[in-house]
Protein backbone atom coordinates (compact mmCIF):
# COMPACT_ATOMS: atom_id res chain seq x y z
CA MET A 1 160.64 23.15 -66.26
CA VAL A 2 158.43 24.53 -63.57
CA PRO A 3 155.23 24.13 -63.91
CA VAL A 4 152.93 27.72 -63.51
CA CYS A 5 149.34 28.31 -63.89
CA LEU A 6 147.93 31.46 -65.66
CA LEU A 7 144.83 32.68 -64.60
CA ALA A 8 143.24 36.08 -66.20
CA LEU A 9 139.96 36.75 -65.29
CA PRO A 10 139.17 39.98 -67.44
CA ILE A 11 135.99 41.22 -68.89
CA PHE A 12 135.69 41.53 -72.43
CA ALA A 13 134.68 43.62 -74.45
CA ALA A 14 134.47 44.28 -78.18
CA MET A 15 136.93 47.03 -80.37
CA ALA A 16 136.27 50.54 -80.78
CA GLN A 17 137.30 53.68 -81.23
CA ASP A 18 140.29 55.40 -78.34
CA ARG A 19 138.51 57.26 -76.17
CA ALA A 20 139.76 60.79 -74.85
CA VAL A 21 140.00 58.77 -71.37
CA PRO A 22 143.17 57.32 -70.76
CA ALA A 23 143.35 53.49 -69.65
CA ALA A 24 144.55 53.03 -66.16
CA PRO A 25 147.96 51.57 -66.47
CA ALA A 26 149.02 47.81 -66.05
CA SER A 27 150.18 46.93 -62.57
CA GLY A 28 152.56 44.84 -63.66
CA GLY A 29 154.66 43.08 -65.82
CA ILE A 30 152.03 40.29 -67.65
CA ALA A 31 149.51 42.39 -67.44
CA ALA A 32 151.37 45.47 -69.33
CA LYS A 33 151.06 42.77 -72.01
CA LEU A 34 147.58 43.15 -71.99
CA GLN A 35 147.29 46.90 -71.92
CA PRO A 36 147.04 47.24 -75.99
CA PHE A 37 143.97 45.15 -75.43
CA VAL A 38 142.98 47.53 -72.92
CA ASP A 39 143.95 50.88 -75.81
CA LYS A 40 142.02 49.69 -78.33
CA HIS A 41 138.67 48.49 -76.53
CA LYS A 42 139.30 44.83 -76.70
CA MET A 43 138.35 44.05 -73.16
CA ALA A 44 137.93 47.02 -70.10
CA GLY A 45 140.06 45.23 -67.88
CA ALA A 46 141.47 41.94 -66.04
CA VAL A 47 142.85 40.40 -62.85
CA VAL A 48 145.63 38.49 -63.70
CA LEU A 49 147.43 35.84 -61.41
CA VAL A 50 150.72 33.56 -61.87
CA ALA A 51 150.92 30.84 -59.91
CA ASP A 52 153.00 26.96 -60.27
CA LYS A 53 152.21 24.34 -57.64
CA ASP A 54 153.21 26.23 -54.78
CA LYS A 55 152.58 29.48 -54.23
CA VAL A 56 150.78 32.63 -55.89
CA LEU A 57 153.82 34.30 -57.71
CA ASP A 58 152.20 37.15 -58.64
CA VAL A 59 148.57 38.99 -59.08
CA GLU A 60 148.40 41.76 -61.65
CA THR A 61 145.78 44.71 -62.54
CA VAL A 62 145.42 46.16 -66.09
CA GLY A 63 142.41 48.32 -66.75
CA TYR A 64 138.40 49.58 -65.60
CA ALA A 65 136.19 47.53 -63.62
CA ASP A 66 134.12 49.87 -64.44
CA LEU A 67 134.37 52.32 -67.64
CA THR A 68 131.63 55.19 -66.66
CA ALA A 69 133.23 55.87 -63.20
CA GLN A 70 136.92 55.56 -64.05
CA LYS A 71 137.58 52.78 -61.42
CA PRO A 72 139.94 50.84 -62.40
CA MET A 73 140.14 47.11 -62.37
CA ALA A 74 141.19 45.84 -58.34
CA ALA A 75 142.61 42.29 -58.16
CA ASP A 76 139.73 41.84 -55.66
CA ASP A 77 137.17 42.70 -57.42
CA MET A 78 134.19 40.20 -58.41
CA PHE A 79 134.03 38.44 -61.82
CA TRP A 80 131.25 36.95 -63.60
CA ILE A 81 132.82 33.33 -64.19
CA ALA A 82 130.45 31.76 -66.98
CA SER A 83 131.28 28.18 -67.58
CA MET A 84 134.64 27.86 -65.66
CA SER A 85 131.61 27.35 -63.14
CA LYS A 86 131.53 23.57 -65.18
CA PRO A 87 135.27 22.36 -64.39
CA MET A 88 133.96 22.44 -60.43
CA THR A 89 130.76 20.88 -61.55
CA VAL A 90 132.55 18.13 -63.02
CA THR A 91 134.89 17.68 -59.91
CA ALA A 92 131.88 17.08 -57.27
CA LEU A 93 130.45 14.89 -59.28
CA MET A 94 133.59 13.15 -60.23
CA MET A 95 133.84 12.90 -56.31
CA LEU A 96 130.35 10.88 -56.27
CA VAL A 97 132.35 8.46 -58.62
CA ASP A 98 135.68 8.27 -55.86
CA GLU A 99 133.74 7.57 -54.07
CA GLY A 100 132.15 4.59 -55.68
CA LYS A 101 127.92 6.67 -55.28
CA VAL A 102 128.34 6.67 -59.86
CA ASN A 103 129.95 5.10 -62.43
CA VAL A 104 130.12 7.45 -65.33
CA ASP A 105 129.52 4.01 -67.48
CA ASP A 106 125.95 4.10 -65.56
CA PRO A 107 123.05 4.91 -68.49
CA VAL A 108 121.69 8.79 -66.63
CA GLU A 109 118.55 7.33 -66.84
CA LYS A 110 119.71 5.30 -63.43
CA TYR A 111 119.64 8.24 -61.45
CA LEU A 112 117.00 10.41 -63.05
CA PRO A 113 114.50 7.72 -64.70
CA TYR A 114 112.62 10.25 -66.96
CA PHE A 115 115.77 10.32 -69.46
CA LYS A 116 114.73 6.69 -70.68
CA GLY A 117 112.90 6.52 -73.99
CA GLN A 118 114.37 9.47 -74.92
CA MET A 119 114.14 10.22 -78.93
CA VAL A 120 117.04 11.44 -81.57
CA ALA A 121 116.74 13.18 -84.80
CA ASP A 122 117.13 11.57 -87.80
CA SER A 123 119.16 14.65 -89.09
CA ALA A 124 119.68 18.31 -88.37
CA ASP A 125 116.26 19.03 -90.24
CA PRO A 126 113.65 18.62 -87.71
CA ARG A 127 110.61 18.21 -89.94
CA THR A 128 112.20 14.79 -90.47
CA THR A 129 111.38 11.23 -88.21
CA LEU A 130 112.52 10.74 -84.86
CA HIS A 131 113.72 7.30 -83.46
CA PRO A 132 114.75 6.27 -80.01
CA GLN A 133 118.03 6.49 -78.58
CA GLN A 134 120.40 3.94 -79.40
CA PRO A 135 122.36 3.97 -76.98
CA PRO A 136 121.15 5.75 -74.41
CA ILE A 137 123.12 9.09 -72.41
CA LEU A 138 126.00 7.42 -70.04
CA VAL A 139 126.91 9.48 -67.63
CA ARG A 140 130.25 10.05 -69.07
CA ASN A 141 128.60 12.23 -72.12
CA LEU A 142 127.24 14.59 -70.02
CA LEU A 143 130.41 15.78 -68.98
CA SER A 144 132.09 15.72 -72.63
CA HIS A 145 129.49 17.45 -74.41
CA THR A 146 128.47 14.54 -76.42
CA SER A 147 125.54 13.10 -75.13
CA GLY A 148 123.06 15.33 -77.60
CA LEU A 149 121.98 17.16 -75.63
CA PRO A 150 120.61 21.41 -76.91
CA LEU A 151 122.12 24.34 -74.59
CA PHE A 152 119.17 24.32 -72.93
CA SER A 153 115.59 24.27 -73.33
CA PRO A 154 113.01 26.03 -74.61
CA VAL A 155 111.61 26.65 -70.93
CA GLU A 156 114.69 28.00 -69.88
CA LYS A 157 113.89 31.80 -70.77
CA PRO A 158 113.69 34.64 -70.63
CA THR A 159 116.97 33.86 -68.06
CA LEU A 160 118.72 30.53 -67.34
CA ASP A 161 118.30 30.83 -63.36
CA LEU A 162 114.94 30.67 -63.67
CA LEU A 163 114.18 27.35 -62.31
CA PRO A 164 115.31 24.75 -59.42
CA LEU A 165 117.14 21.38 -61.14
CA SER A 166 114.37 19.85 -60.09
CA GLU A 167 112.01 21.60 -63.05
CA ALA A 168 115.05 22.41 -65.82
CA VAL A 169 116.65 19.08 -65.93
CA PRO A 170 113.27 17.09 -67.10
CA SER A 171 112.53 19.70 -69.26
CA TYR A 172 115.75 18.06 -71.10
CA ALA A 173 114.60 14.95 -71.04
CA ARG A 174 111.71 15.81 -73.23
CA THR A 175 113.39 18.00 -75.98
CA VAL A 176 114.56 15.55 -78.59
CA LEU A 177 118.09 14.66 -78.89
CA MET A 178 120.44 16.08 -81.96
CA PHE A 179 122.32 12.83 -82.72
CA GLU A 180 123.00 9.45 -81.30
CA PRO A 181 124.75 9.81 -77.30
CA GLY A 182 128.79 9.51 -78.21
CA THR A 183 128.94 9.91 -81.46
CA LYS A 184 129.56 13.90 -81.93
CA TYR A 185 130.90 16.51 -80.05
CA SER A 186 127.65 19.53 -79.15
CA TYR A 187 129.11 21.99 -76.65
CA SER A 188 126.11 21.96 -73.93
CA ASN A 189 125.12 23.52 -70.62
CA ALA A 190 121.99 21.69 -70.24
CA GLY A 191 124.34 18.26 -69.88
CA ILE A 192 126.61 19.95 -67.08
CA ASN A 193 123.25 20.81 -65.27
CA THR A 194 122.25 17.19 -65.55
CA ALA A 195 125.01 16.38 -63.95
CA GLY A 196 124.67 18.89 -61.27
CA ARG A 197 120.69 17.26 -61.01
CA ILE A 198 122.88 13.74 -60.81
CA ILE A 199 124.61 15.21 -57.32
CA GLU A 200 121.38 16.34 -56.23
CA VAL A 201 119.63 13.44 -55.99
CA VAL A 202 122.99 11.12 -54.97
CA SER A 203 123.84 13.07 -52.15
CA GLY A 204 120.58 13.98 -50.56
CA MET A 205 121.90 17.83 -50.86
CA PRO A 206 120.81 20.40 -52.32
CA TYR A 207 123.62 21.05 -55.58
CA GLU A 208 124.37 24.03 -53.98
CA LYS A 209 125.38 22.98 -50.71
CA PHE A 210 126.95 20.45 -51.75
CA MET A 211 129.42 22.59 -53.37
CA GLU A 212 130.16 24.89 -50.88
CA GLU A 213 130.66 22.07 -48.30
CA ARG A 214 132.38 19.65 -50.68
CA LEU A 215 133.87 21.86 -52.72
CA PHE A 216 134.38 25.66 -51.90
CA LYS A 217 135.23 25.73 -47.98
CA PRO A 218 138.30 22.96 -47.92
CA LEU A 219 139.67 24.95 -50.67
CA GLY A 220 139.03 27.94 -48.78
CA MET A 221 137.18 29.41 -51.48
CA LYS A 222 135.36 32.36 -49.44
CA ASP A 223 134.02 34.45 -52.10
CA THR A 224 133.20 32.30 -54.60
CA THR A 225 129.09 32.15 -54.38
CA PHE A 226 126.08 31.64 -56.66
CA TRP A 227 124.30 34.67 -55.18
CA PRO A 228 127.38 37.53 -54.71
CA ASN A 229 126.23 40.19 -51.48
CA GLU A 230 125.94 44.28 -51.54
CA GLU A 231 129.77 43.60 -50.18
CA GLN A 232 130.14 41.44 -53.24
CA LEU A 233 128.35 43.19 -55.34
CA GLN A 234 130.40 46.56 -55.23
CA ARG A 235 133.50 44.99 -55.90
CA LEU A 236 131.49 43.40 -59.26
CA ALA A 237 133.09 44.44 -62.27
CA LYS A 238 130.94 46.13 -65.43
CA SER A 239 130.30 43.56 -67.99
CA TYR A 240 130.45 45.45 -71.48
CA ARG A 241 129.73 45.22 -75.19
CA GLU A 242 130.07 47.24 -78.33
CA ASN A 243 127.69 50.25 -79.01
CA ALA A 244 125.37 50.04 -81.92
CA GLN A 245 127.42 51.72 -84.22
CA LYS A 246 129.96 49.30 -83.08
CA ASP A 247 132.56 52.52 -82.19
CA ASN A 248 132.54 52.61 -78.79
CA LEU A 249 131.90 50.30 -75.76
CA GLU A 250 128.39 49.98 -73.60
CA GLU A 251 127.66 48.52 -70.33
CA THR A 252 124.87 45.50 -70.52
CA ASP A 253 123.63 43.33 -68.16
CA ILE A 254 124.37 39.71 -68.23
CA ASN A 255 121.69 38.29 -69.98
CA TYR A 256 121.91 34.93 -69.08
CA LEU A 257 121.19 36.11 -65.88
CA HIS A 258 118.25 37.46 -63.74
CA TYR A 259 118.48 40.84 -61.70
CA PRO A 260 119.11 41.48 -58.85
CA LEU A 261 121.51 39.14 -58.73
CA ASN A 262 121.50 38.45 -54.98
CA ASP A 263 117.78 37.28 -55.16
CA VAL A 264 117.81 34.30 -53.73
CA GLN A 265 114.19 33.79 -53.76
CA HIS A 266 114.00 34.09 -57.82
CA ARG A 267 117.41 32.48 -59.22
CA PHE A 268 118.73 29.44 -58.70
CA PRO A 269 121.88 28.02 -59.32
CA MET A 270 122.77 26.79 -62.69
CA PRO A 271 125.49 23.72 -62.66
CA ALA A 272 127.07 25.09 -66.25
CA GLY A 273 127.60 28.22 -65.43
CA SER A 274 126.25 30.84 -62.82
CA LEU A 275 128.87 31.18 -60.31
CA PHE A 276 130.51 34.76 -59.21
CA HIS A 277 134.30 34.26 -57.98
CA GLY A 278 136.83 37.44 -56.64
CA GLY A 279 139.72 38.02 -54.00
CA ARG A 280 138.70 38.77 -50.68
CA ARG A 281 139.38 42.94 -49.96
CA GLY A 282 142.15 43.02 -47.12
CA GLU A 283 143.05 39.45 -48.42
CA VAL A 284 144.61 39.40 -51.54
CA ARG A 285 147.81 37.61 -51.62
CA SER A 286 145.35 35.00 -49.98
CA ASN A 287 142.61 35.05 -51.86
CA VAL A 288 142.71 36.65 -54.92
CA SER A 289 143.88 33.53 -55.37
CA GLN A 290 140.64 31.06 -54.79
CA GLN A 291 140.27 30.71 -58.30
CA GLY A 292 144.09 29.59 -58.15
CA HIS A 293 143.04 27.70 -56.00
CA PHE A 294 140.57 25.10 -57.87
CA PRO A 295 142.68 24.48 -60.96
CA GLY A 296 145.67 23.65 -58.95
CA ALA A 297 143.90 21.50 -56.53
CA ALA A 298 142.00 20.12 -59.20
CA LEU A 299 142.08 20.68 -62.78
CA SER A 300 145.77 21.88 -63.03
CA VAL A 301 145.93 21.41 -67.17
CA GLY A 302 149.07 20.45 -67.90
CA SER A 303 150.50 20.60 -64.58
CA HIS A 304 152.70 17.87 -64.05
CA GLY A 305 154.98 18.95 -60.30
CA ARG A 306 153.78 17.44 -57.00
CA ARG A 307 153.61 18.26 -53.77
CA ASP A 308 152.29 16.72 -50.19
CA ASP A 309 149.49 18.49 -50.00
CA ASP A 310 147.43 18.27 -53.49
CA GLN A 311 148.74 17.38 -56.85
CA ALA A 312 146.27 17.69 -60.87
CA ASN A 313 146.39 17.00 -64.17
CA CYS A 314 143.91 17.02 -66.79
CA THR A 315 144.91 16.30 -70.08
CA GLY A 316 142.40 15.56 -73.09
CA ASP A 317 142.20 15.10 -76.88
CA LYS A 318 138.69 15.02 -79.75
CA ASP A 319 137.32 11.50 -77.70
CA SER A 320 138.58 11.77 -73.74
CA LEU A 321 139.65 13.76 -71.45
CA ARG A 322 141.77 12.31 -68.17
CA ILE A 323 141.66 14.60 -64.91
CA ARG A 324 144.03 13.28 -62.18
CA VAL A 325 143.11 14.20 -58.61
CA ASP A 326 144.89 13.65 -55.22
CA HIS A 327 144.12 16.14 -53.67
CA LYS A 328 144.23 15.33 -49.14
CA ARG A 329 141.55 18.64 -48.20
CA LEU A 330 139.41 17.39 -50.90
CA GLY A 331 139.24 13.68 -49.39
CA VAL A 332 139.97 12.62 -53.28
CA ARG A 333 142.96 10.53 -54.55
CA ALA A 334 142.22 9.41 -58.35
CA PHE A 335 142.80 9.21 -62.15
CA TRP A 336 139.19 9.45 -63.95
CA THR A 337 139.10 8.91 -67.45
CA LEU A 338 135.67 10.53 -69.41
């Protein structure tokens, strides 16, 4: 069996009643399977990419990037990829592990001393007593969502991208842990953002510069950015939600992010979920697959094929995550268990 990677970058939306204007037809066989979801308004549109270990096999589109303007989805449209930013951040940190600069079994406080002495709630009831954490949060807990840190901290309002990591991450250390580190699983943006801060402290580089120089450039991910420029904003697919009557779709902003999205003065990179990604205009066959480059090179889930250029494999269960990376362009050759 030849392993393949199927990647869909969709604009999701709630179900609504049929509209008078017909949906843009799907461009191929796989996208056609998604057409009913567009017709029933479960999503506005999607770009679908299929690749094996060697190359991109197909790129297809379905639905609309802009429902109001009736603009069909294009293969080079941009998307906010939200939490798909997380595996990229984890890979960047694990590159430092591979270089011997970080150890996943180290306490986070070794790199960020303000995490020392964090308290833990005795139960889910915030009125109960607190006690010191035992054991401390380990780096591996950040990466596997077992740190006890919350989804985000109270200071990250009204959006999650208004503070630099040097300010946001200390606020996590001031929060009460939800449980003892390593004992439970709870999805945590704060944990991944803390990993991003460790990247900064250990590398001596801003997180976004490390990502650009060590990950995006070597993989040719030219249209992956925290701040889409004017040209990229023209290709950014609209976001939608169901309306109050739950019978149609309405356009909405990304409520986790500050606008304008290209505001480099007031928006800061969020390792847990502020990346935008798309295919470069005029270079669709090679660069719409930029997001395909990443799982192919670093986190190709369930793929056991091998190539001279790269090999990757990610398996896991509720207690661990195993990542294998063998990629010459990234300078990484390792097998990691978290």
